[in-house]
Protein backbone atom coordinates (compact mmCIF):
# COMPACT_ATOMS: atom_id res chain seq x y z
CA UNK A 1 119.17 379.98 -8.48
CA UNK A 2 119.90 380.94 -12.08
CA UNK A 3 120.48 378.62 -15.01
CA UNK A 4 122.58 380.03 -17.84
CA UNK A 5 121.19 380.10 -21.37
CA UNK A 6 124.04 379.50 -23.81
CA UNK A 7 124.39 379.49 -27.58
CA UNK A 8 124.69 375.81 -28.53
CA UNK A 9 127.39 374.36 -30.75
CA UNK A 10 125.96 373.52 -34.18
CA UNK A 11 129.12 372.30 -35.91
CA UNK A 12 132.90 372.46 -35.74
CA UNK A 13 133.14 375.09 -38.48
CA UNK A 14 130.58 377.44 -36.89
CA UNK A 15 132.05 379.81 -34.29
CA UNK A 16 129.39 382.52 -34.02
CA UNK A 17 125.75 383.25 -34.75
CA UNK A 18 123.24 386.08 -34.85
CA UNK A 19 120.55 386.11 -32.16
CA UNK A 20 117.64 386.78 -34.50
CA UNK A 21 114.63 386.75 -32.18
CA UNK A 22 113.52 386.16 -28.60
CA UNK A 23 110.19 384.35 -28.40
CA UNK A 24 109.63 385.55 -24.81
CA UNK A 25 110.01 388.93 -23.12
CA UNK A 26 112.25 389.71 -20.19
CA UNK A 27 110.60 388.58 -16.94
CA UNK A 28 108.11 386.22 -18.58
CA UNK A 29 107.69 382.62 -17.37
CA UNK A 30 109.06 379.80 -19.50
CA UNK A 31 108.67 376.04 -19.41
CA UNK A 32 111.16 373.28 -20.04
CA UNK A 33 111.58 372.41 -23.76
CA UNK A 34 109.69 375.57 -24.79
CA UNK A 35 111.38 377.49 -27.69
CA UNK A 36 113.23 380.50 -26.26
CA UNK A 37 115.08 382.18 -29.11
CA UNK A 38 116.19 381.82 -32.73
CA UNK A 39 119.80 381.90 -33.91
CA UNK A 40 121.12 382.07 -37.45
CA UNK A 41 124.57 380.99 -38.62
CA UNK A 42 126.09 381.03 -42.08
CA UNK A 43 124.76 377.51 -42.64
CA UNK A 44 121.60 376.91 -40.63
CA UNK A 45 118.79 378.59 -38.67
CA UNK A 46 117.99 376.95 -35.34
CA UNK A 47 115.57 377.32 -32.42
CA UNK A 48 116.96 376.92 -28.88
CA UNK A 49 114.69 375.50 -26.19
CA UNK A 50 114.57 376.12 -22.43
CA UNK A 51 116.35 373.54 -20.28
CA UNK A 52 114.17 374.15 -17.21
CA UNK A 53 111.12 376.00 -15.87
CA UNK A 54 111.45 379.50 -14.44
CA UNK A 55 111.51 383.22 -15.21
CA UNK A 56 113.43 384.47 -18.26
CA UNK A 57 116.13 387.09 -17.87
CA UNK A 58 117.52 388.37 -21.18
CA UNK A 59 121.17 389.44 -21.27
CA UNK A 60 121.78 389.88 -25.03
CA UNK A 61 119.40 391.79 -27.28
CA UNK A 62 118.05 390.67 -30.64
CA UNK A 63 120.30 391.32 -33.62
CA UNK A 64 123.55 390.83 -31.70
CA UNK A 65 126.34 388.57 -32.96
CA UNK A 66 127.23 386.05 -30.27
CA UNK A 67 129.96 383.42 -30.01
CA UNK A 68 129.12 379.74 -29.68
CA UNK A 69 128.92 378.95 -25.97
CA UNK A 70 128.23 382.55 -24.98
CA UNK A 71 125.65 383.26 -22.24
CA UNK A 72 122.71 385.19 -23.70
CA UNK A 73 120.36 385.02 -20.72
CA UNK A 74 119.32 383.25 -17.55
CA UNK A 75 116.36 381.29 -16.20
CA UNK A 76 115.60 382.03 -12.55
CA UNK A 77 114.44 378.66 -11.30
CA UNK A 78 113.68 379.79 -7.74
CA UNK A 79 111.13 382.31 -8.99
CA UNK A 80 107.84 380.77 -10.07
CA UNK A 81 105.30 382.33 -12.37
CA UNK A 82 102.09 383.69 -10.76
CA UNK A 83 99.11 381.37 -10.92
CA UNK A 84 97.33 383.67 -13.37
CA UNK A 85 100.32 383.77 -15.72
CA UNK A 86 99.95 380.28 -17.07
CA UNK A 87 101.52 379.70 -20.44
CA UNK A 88 99.42 378.64 -23.38
CA UNK A 89 100.94 375.17 -23.19
CA UNK A 90 99.93 374.74 -19.52
CA UNK A 91 96.41 376.02 -20.13
CA UNK A 92 95.98 373.70 -23.06
CA UNK A 93 97.20 370.73 -21.02
CA UNK A 94 94.85 371.56 -18.13
CA UNK A 95 91.92 371.88 -20.47
CA UNK A 96 92.75 368.55 -22.07
CA UNK A 97 93.06 366.78 -18.70
CA UNK A 98 89.88 368.32 -17.20
CA UNK A 99 87.69 370.13 -19.76
CA UNK A 100 84.88 370.76 -17.26
CA UNK A 101 87.22 372.18 -14.62
CA UNK A 102 88.95 374.42 -17.14
CA UNK A 103 85.63 375.81 -18.31
CA UNK A 104 84.52 376.50 -14.71
CA UNK A 105 87.81 378.28 -13.99
CA UNK A 106 87.34 380.53 -17.01
CA UNK A 107 83.85 381.51 -15.78
CA UNK A 108 85.06 382.29 -12.23
CA UNK A 109 88.05 384.34 -13.31
CA UNK A 110 86.29 387.66 -14.17
CA UNK A 111 84.40 387.70 -10.82
CA UNK A 112 87.57 387.08 -8.82
CA UNK A 113 89.42 389.76 -10.71
CA UNK A 114 87.07 392.52 -9.49
CA UNK A 115 88.44 392.64 -5.96
CA UNK A 116 91.98 391.81 -6.85
CA UNK A 117 94.64 394.32 -5.90
CA UNK A 118 97.38 395.08 -8.43
CA UNK A 119 100.43 392.92 -7.80
CA UNK A 120 103.37 394.69 -6.21
CA UNK A 121 106.45 395.01 -8.32
CA UNK A 122 109.32 392.72 -7.47
CA UNK A 123 111.71 394.90 -5.42
CA UNK A 124 114.69 392.65 -6.09
CA UNK A 125 117.10 394.21 -8.58
CA UNK A 126 117.43 392.62 -11.97
CA UNK A 127 120.76 391.24 -13.10
CA UNK A 128 122.28 393.54 -15.66
CA UNK A 129 124.02 392.21 -18.78
CA UNK A 130 127.67 391.43 -18.31
CA UNK A 131 130.02 394.38 -18.00
CA UNK A 132 131.02 395.71 -21.39
CA UNK A 133 134.59 396.61 -20.41
CA UNK A 134 137.53 394.70 -19.09
CA UNK A 135 140.48 396.04 -17.09
CA UNK A 136 143.98 395.80 -18.49
CA UNK A 137 147.07 395.16 -16.31
CA UNK A 138 147.68 398.93 -16.24
CA UNK A 139 144.21 399.56 -14.85
CA UNK A 140 142.86 400.92 -18.15
CA UNK A 141 139.44 399.77 -19.32
CA UNK A 142 138.97 398.50 -22.86
CA UNK A 143 135.68 397.45 -24.48
CA UNK A 144 134.74 393.77 -24.69
CA UNK A 145 134.24 392.89 -28.36
CA UNK A 146 132.58 389.94 -30.02
CA UNK A 147 134.76 387.82 -32.35
CA UNK A 148 132.95 389.26 -35.38
CA UNK A 149 133.64 392.86 -34.30
CA UNK A 150 137.30 392.12 -33.56
CA UNK A 151 137.73 390.46 -36.95
CA UNK A 152 136.02 393.29 -38.83
CA UNK A 153 138.04 395.93 -36.98
CA UNK A 154 141.29 394.10 -37.79
CA UNK A 155 140.36 393.63 -41.46
CA UNK A 156 139.39 397.30 -41.93
CA UNK A 157 142.21 398.66 -39.74
CA UNK A 158 139.77 400.47 -37.43
CA UNK A 159 140.81 402.11 -34.15
CA UNK A 160 138.04 400.71 -31.96
CA UNK A 161 138.45 403.55 -29.45
CA UNK A 162 136.95 405.90 -32.04
CA UNK A 163 133.78 403.83 -32.49
CA UNK A 164 130.72 404.68 -30.41
CA UNK A 165 128.77 401.62 -29.25
CA UNK A 166 124.99 401.39 -29.58
CA UNK A 167 124.50 397.90 -28.10
CA UNK A 168 123.42 396.94 -24.58
CA UNK A 169 125.60 398.69 -22.00
CA UNK A 170 127.29 400.65 -24.79
CA UNK A 171 128.71 397.53 -26.42
CA UNK A 172 130.16 397.98 -29.90
CA UNK A 173 128.40 395.97 -32.62
CA UNK A 174 129.36 395.17 -36.21
CA UNK A 175 126.81 397.76 -37.32
CA UNK A 176 128.60 400.44 -35.29
CA UNK A 177 131.91 399.60 -37.02
CA UNK A 178 130.27 399.66 -40.45
CA UNK A 179 128.64 403.03 -39.76
CA UNK A 180 132.00 404.37 -38.59
CA UNK A 181 133.63 403.15 -41.82
CA UNK A 182 130.95 404.80 -43.95
CA UNK A 183 131.52 408.07 -42.13
CA UNK A 184 135.28 408.09 -42.84
CA UNK A 185 136.79 409.96 -45.77
CA UNK A 186 138.09 407.69 -48.55
CA UNK A 187 141.64 406.62 -47.90
CA UNK A 188 141.80 408.13 -44.42
CA UNK A 189 144.79 406.51 -42.67
CA UNK A 190 144.53 405.08 -39.18
CA UNK A 191 146.00 407.65 -36.73
CA UNK A 192 148.87 406.55 -34.55
CA UNK A 193 148.57 406.58 -30.77
CA UNK A 194 151.58 408.86 -30.34
CA UNK A 195 150.09 411.32 -32.81
CA UNK A 196 146.85 411.33 -30.79
CA UNK A 197 148.78 412.09 -27.63
CA UNK A 198 150.26 415.20 -29.21
CA UNK A 199 146.85 416.68 -30.14
CA UNK A 200 145.09 419.21 -27.89
CA UNK A 201 142.17 417.88 -25.83
CA UNK A 202 139.60 419.74 -27.95
CA UNK A 203 140.96 418.23 -31.17
CA UNK A 204 141.02 414.75 -29.58
CA UNK A 205 137.38 415.07 -28.63
CA UNK A 206 136.48 416.30 -32.12
CA UNK A 207 138.30 413.42 -33.78
CA UNK A 208 136.71 410.80 -31.52
CA UNK A 209 133.25 411.82 -32.73
CA UNK A 210 132.74 410.07 -36.09
CA UNK A 211 131.54 412.19 -38.97
CA UNK A 212 127.94 411.77 -40.09
CA UNK A 213 127.65 409.12 -42.81
CA UNK A 214 127.60 410.54 -46.30
CA UNK A 215 124.13 410.21 -47.80
CA UNK A 216 124.07 407.67 -50.61
CA UNK A 217 120.39 408.18 -51.40
CA UNK A 218 119.98 408.91 -55.12
CA UNK A 219 118.08 412.01 -56.17
CA UNK A 220 115.34 409.97 -57.84
CA UNK A 221 114.15 407.98 -54.82
CA UNK A 222 114.79 406.44 -51.43
CA UNK A 223 116.91 403.42 -50.59
CA UNK A 224 117.00 401.00 -47.67
CA UNK A 225 120.25 399.54 -46.35
CA UNK A 226 120.06 396.12 -44.67
CA UNK A 227 122.87 393.83 -43.54
CA UNK A 228 123.06 390.46 -45.28
CA UNK A 229 122.11 387.51 -43.10
CA UNK A 230 124.84 384.93 -42.39
CA UNK A 231 123.11 382.40 -44.65
CA UNK A 232 122.85 384.92 -47.50
CA UNK A 233 126.52 385.88 -47.08
CA UNK A 234 127.52 382.20 -47.20
CA UNK A 235 125.39 381.60 -50.30
CA UNK A 236 126.99 384.60 -52.02
CA UNK A 237 130.48 383.41 -51.07
CA UNK A 238 129.94 379.85 -52.31
CA UNK A 239 128.33 380.92 -55.58
CA UNK A 240 131.23 383.26 -56.29
CA UNK A 241 133.72 380.49 -55.47
CA UNK A 242 131.90 378.14 -57.85
CA UNK A 243 132.25 380.62 -60.71
CA UNK A 244 135.88 381.46 -59.93
CA UNK A 245 137.28 378.03 -59.03
CA UNK A 246 135.57 375.71 -61.52
CA UNK A 247 135.34 375.42 -65.29
CA UNK A 248 131.55 375.42 -65.25
CA UNK A 249 129.54 374.61 -68.35
CA UNK A 250 125.83 373.79 -68.87
CA UNK A 251 124.11 371.41 -71.28
CA UNK A 252 120.35 371.17 -71.88
CA UNK A 253 117.69 368.69 -72.94
CA UNK A 254 113.91 368.37 -72.78
CA UNK A 255 111.78 365.58 -71.36
CA UNK A 256 108.28 364.42 -72.21
CA UNK A 257 106.57 364.20 -68.79
CA UNK A 258 103.42 362.43 -70.02
CA UNK A 259 104.30 358.99 -68.62
CA UNK A 260 105.30 360.36 -65.22
CA UNK A 261 102.09 362.38 -64.93
CA UNK A 262 99.98 359.35 -65.93
CA UNK A 263 101.68 357.16 -63.30
CA UNK A 264 101.21 359.76 -60.56
CA UNK A 265 97.56 360.24 -61.48
CA UNK A 266 96.90 356.49 -61.49
CA UNK A 267 98.86 355.55 -58.35
CA UNK A 268 98.80 358.60 -56.06
CA UNK A 269 95.78 357.60 -53.95
CA UNK A 270 96.97 354.02 -53.36
CA UNK A 271 100.49 355.33 -52.68
CA UNK A 272 99.23 357.83 -50.09
CA UNK A 273 97.09 355.22 -48.33
CA UNK A 274 99.93 352.72 -48.20
CA UNK A 275 102.82 355.02 -47.24
CA UNK A 276 101.12 358.11 -45.75
CA UNK A 277 102.88 360.50 -48.13
CA UNK A 278 102.16 361.91 -51.60
CA UNK A 279 103.95 360.68 -54.70
CA UNK A 280 105.82 363.64 -56.15
CA UNK A 281 107.95 364.27 -59.22
CA UNK A 282 111.21 364.77 -57.31
CA UNK A 283 111.48 361.11 -56.28
CA UNK A 284 111.40 360.09 -59.96
CA UNK A 285 114.26 362.46 -60.77
CA UNK A 286 116.27 361.26 -57.77
CA UNK A 287 115.85 357.68 -59.01
CA UNK A 288 116.81 358.69 -62.54
CA UNK A 289 119.85 360.61 -61.25
CA UNK A 290 121.06 357.65 -59.18
CA UNK A 291 120.85 355.41 -62.26
CA UNK A 292 122.76 357.99 -64.34
CA UNK A 293 125.42 358.54 -61.64
CA UNK A 294 126.20 354.82 -61.67
CA UNK A 295 126.56 354.93 -65.46
CA UNK A 296 128.76 358.08 -65.34
CA UNK A 297 130.81 357.93 -62.07
CA UNK A 298 132.84 361.07 -62.89
CA UNK A 299 129.74 363.16 -62.23
CA UNK A 300 129.55 361.66 -58.73
CA UNK A 301 133.23 362.45 -58.05
CA UNK A 302 135.15 365.43 -56.59
CA UNK A 303 138.49 367.03 -57.39
CA UNK A 304 140.81 367.28 -54.37
CA UNK A 305 144.11 368.89 -55.27
CA UNK A 306 145.54 366.82 -58.10
CA UNK A 307 143.37 363.77 -57.32
CA UNK A 308 139.88 362.67 -58.34
CA UNK A 309 137.86 361.13 -55.49
CA UNK A 310 135.15 358.72 -56.65
CA UNK A 311 132.21 357.99 -54.35
CA UNK A 312 130.70 354.53 -54.07
CA UNK A 313 127.50 355.99 -52.66
CA UNK A 314 124.94 358.57 -53.80
CA UNK A 315 124.13 361.29 -51.26
CA UNK A 316 121.65 363.47 -53.15
CA UNK A 317 121.11 367.09 -52.13
CA UNK A 318 117.66 368.57 -52.83
CA UNK A 319 117.57 372.37 -52.98
CA UNK A 320 114.75 373.85 -50.88
CA UNK A 321 113.85 377.53 -50.84
CA UNK A 322 113.12 379.23 -47.51
CA UNK A 323 112.47 382.74 -46.23
CA UNK A 324 116.13 383.04 -45.20
CA UNK A 325 117.70 381.62 -48.35
CA UNK A 326 118.25 378.44 -50.32
CA UNK A 327 119.35 375.39 -48.33
CA UNK A 328 120.30 371.95 -49.65
CA UNK A 329 119.53 369.11 -47.22
CA UNK A 330 121.07 365.78 -48.19
CA UNK A 331 119.28 362.44 -48.62
CA UNK A 332 121.95 359.91 -47.68
CA UNK A 333 122.32 356.64 -49.58
CA UNK A 334 119.55 357.61 -51.97
CA UNK A 335 120.62 354.70 -54.19
CA UNK A 336 119.32 352.31 -51.51
CA UNK A 337 115.93 353.96 -50.97
CA UNK A 338 112.57 353.37 -52.62
CA UNK A 339 110.06 356.01 -53.65
CA UNK A 340 108.27 356.17 -50.27
CA UNK A 341 111.43 356.79 -48.14
CA UNK A 342 112.58 359.41 -50.64
CA UNK A 343 109.28 361.29 -50.47
CA UNK A 344 109.20 361.04 -46.67
CA UNK A 345 112.74 362.42 -46.45
CA UNK A 346 111.81 365.43 -48.59
CA UNK A 347 108.69 366.15 -46.53
CA UNK A 348 110.66 365.86 -43.26
CA UNK A 349 113.31 368.28 -44.52
CA UNK A 350 110.72 370.85 -45.61
CA UNK A 351 108.98 370.67 -42.22
CA UNK A 352 112.32 370.99 -40.38
CA UNK A 353 113.23 374.07 -42.43
CA UNK A 354 109.89 375.73 -41.71
CA UNK A 355 110.23 374.98 -37.97
CA UNK A 356 113.92 376.08 -37.89
CA UNK A 357 114.99 372.63 -36.70
CA UNK A 358 117.26 371.59 -39.56
CA UNK A 359 120.58 370.25 -38.26
CA UNK A 360 123.96 371.13 -39.68
CA UNK A 361 124.71 367.48 -40.45
CA UNK A 362 121.60 367.43 -42.67
CA UNK A 363 123.41 369.81 -45.05
CA UNK A 364 126.77 368.06 -45.27
CA UNK A 365 128.20 365.25 -47.39
CA UNK A 366 126.19 365.60 -50.62
CA UNK A 367 127.72 364.20 -53.83
CA UNK A 368 125.14 365.51 -56.33
CA UNK A 369 122.41 368.17 -56.19
CA UNK A 370 118.98 368.57 -57.80
CA UNK A 371 117.29 371.97 -57.94
CA UNK A 372 113.69 372.43 -59.08
CA UNK A 373 113.18 375.98 -60.31
CA UNK A 374 109.93 374.88 -61.91
CA UNK A 375 108.06 375.31 -58.61
CA UNK A 376 108.65 379.06 -59.00
CA UNK A 377 107.67 379.08 -62.68
CA UNK A 378 111.15 379.00 -64.24
CA UNK A 379 111.11 377.73 -67.82
CA UNK A 380 114.89 377.48 -68.27
CA UNK A 381 117.98 378.35 -66.22
CA UNK A 382 121.65 377.47 -65.71
CA UNK A 383 122.11 376.22 -62.12
CA UNK A 384 125.41 376.97 -60.38
CA UNK A 385 127.53 374.17 -58.94
CA UNK A 386 127.27 373.32 -55.26
CA UNK A 387 131.01 372.97 -54.71
CA UNK A 388 132.92 370.70 -54.24
CA UNK A 389 130.36 368.68 -56.23
CA UNK A 390 131.04 368.24 -59.93
CA UNK A 391 127.51 368.66 -61.28
CA UNK A 392 123.99 369.88 -60.50
CA UNK A 393 120.71 369.02 -62.25
CA UNK A 394 118.16 371.79 -62.84
CA UNK A 395 114.47 370.93 -63.25
CA UNK A 396 112.00 373.44 -64.65
CA UNK A 397 108.35 374.21 -65.30
CA UNK A 398 106.19 371.58 -67.03
CA UNK A 399 104.53 373.26 -70.00
CA UNK A 400 102.20 371.99 -72.72
CA UNK A 401 104.09 372.41 -75.99
CA UNK A 402 103.77 371.13 -79.58
CA UNK A 403 106.33 368.44 -80.36
CA UNK A 404 106.91 366.08 -83.30
CA UNK A 405 106.07 362.43 -82.56
CA UNK A 406 106.13 359.86 -85.39
CA UNK A 407 106.02 362.62 -88.00
CA UNK A 408 102.97 364.19 -86.34
CA UNK A 409 102.73 367.35 -84.26
CA UNK A 410 101.15 366.62 -80.88
CA UNK A 411 100.77 368.55 -77.62
CA UNK A 412 102.77 367.08 -74.74
CA UNK A 413 103.70 368.20 -71.19
CA UNK A 414 107.39 369.05 -71.67
CA UNK A 415 110.12 370.04 -69.22
CA UNK A 416 113.49 371.57 -70.00
CA UNK A 417 116.32 370.14 -67.88
CA UNK A 418 119.83 371.53 -67.44
CA UNK A 419 123.05 369.95 -66.22
CA UNK A 420 125.79 372.30 -65.06
CA UNK A 421 129.11 370.51 -64.63
CA UNK A 422 132.77 371.11 -63.90
CA UNK A 423 134.55 370.68 -67.22
CA UNK A 424 137.84 369.95 -65.42
CA UNK A 425 136.56 366.49 -64.48
CA UNK A 426 133.51 365.93 -66.73
CA UNK A 427 133.81 366.00 -70.51
CA UNK A 428 130.99 367.08 -72.80
CA UNK A 429 130.37 363.49 -73.90
CA UNK A 430 129.73 362.34 -70.31
CA UNK A 431 127.56 365.39 -69.52
CA UNK A 432 125.36 364.94 -72.60
CA UNK A 433 125.17 361.18 -72.00
CA UNK A 434 124.19 361.73 -68.37
CA UNK A 435 121.32 364.06 -69.29
CA UNK A 436 120.18 361.71 -72.08
CA UNK A 437 120.17 358.83 -69.57
CA UNK A 438 117.86 360.83 -67.28
CA UNK A 439 115.60 361.73 -70.20
CA UNK A 440 115.22 358.08 -71.23
CA UNK A 441 114.61 356.95 -67.65
CA UNK A 442 111.91 359.58 -67.02
CA UNK A 443 110.15 358.95 -70.32
CA UNK A 444 109.96 355.20 -69.58
CA UNK A 445 109.78 354.82 -65.77
CA UNK A 446 107.15 352.10 -65.39
CA UNK A 447 109.38 349.09 -64.70
CA UNK A 448 111.84 350.88 -62.35
CA UNK A 449 108.88 352.29 -60.43
CA UNK A 450 107.30 348.89 -59.91
CA UNK A 451 110.59 347.47 -58.69
CA UNK A 452 111.24 350.34 -56.27
CA UNK A 453 107.69 350.53 -54.92
CA UNK A 454 107.46 346.80 -54.23
């Protein structure tokens, strides 16, 4: 009996994904709830676990674009793994349950292996990936295409019959279409079917073989061409939309971080013992932002058509960098949370991103975003809006600088902060006032901290 492995639905707006990596090889044993493969959409990267025990049969190779709900493999539940092919999880569990027995088994294994005959190969034929062609009513066969390939072919006006497939079973991938496009002469029109019919067979065969791609390698060195990941494409699209569809402007200020650093130094051990999490700087800025958003509600509002939608809640997005791009998980109702829940939420999001277990709903519904470029050493920047939000706060590197205090020059830990905002809804007076409010809150946080930590 075979259980289908399907691409799970991760959100209404997501229709396809890239199968990035298989964690197991074809024919290897798998256990229930064990991670099988990794998919990546334009919004989130997610691991998919096995639904049952059995032997893995891979039907779709790594790097392929697959539709949500598509079958990418099977688990043969009636075939059991050989006794010697225990997974690491099973071995670990056995050792935990009976350490002495596990140790004895390890000692006996080399002696037993001496007289062991090599296992015979399974004579049963393996199931091949699904047929890559489908028959039309006239009896003609046409290639089965993924939604992404069909869309790209339609957008670029490509005759798919001219494209040679390199995927499993000769399936045509997006990469094949892109290579075909690169090999075409600029402005080459799409040939008509009736014109093809009039050509001699030799000319037809010559035309169906795409020309070799023109080399774009400059004379002074080599280049590497790599397709953008879905997340990177989505980031690029949204950043471009933010620049084109909003009247974005940025205002700056600087904050003396001495009080914050003193509080963290004095309270961090007691905070960690009480709540089991470290006291970071981000929770202070979330608290300060919530206070400022209540004082300046336009910055917590969106433009929808000709209306302004004000939000009576504060869902704060915190930008987190990952290997696959920048993601912004949302802390919901941050205005109702104390320092400990805020810090725990940030830690949970970071761990979920590293383990590829962040859910799509974790990224939706934010009303304001905070981005900390200081963790990468940035001294000053102009963050880009996370549309449809009306503003984003940029934090930066804390640096010891000379400043004037009471007519004296002293050295203080200073941070530049930036607020980028949509000038269509937020005026300069509100933007400057918002940033000043955050500055004053951060430079005198003692009382709010006591109240929130109680």
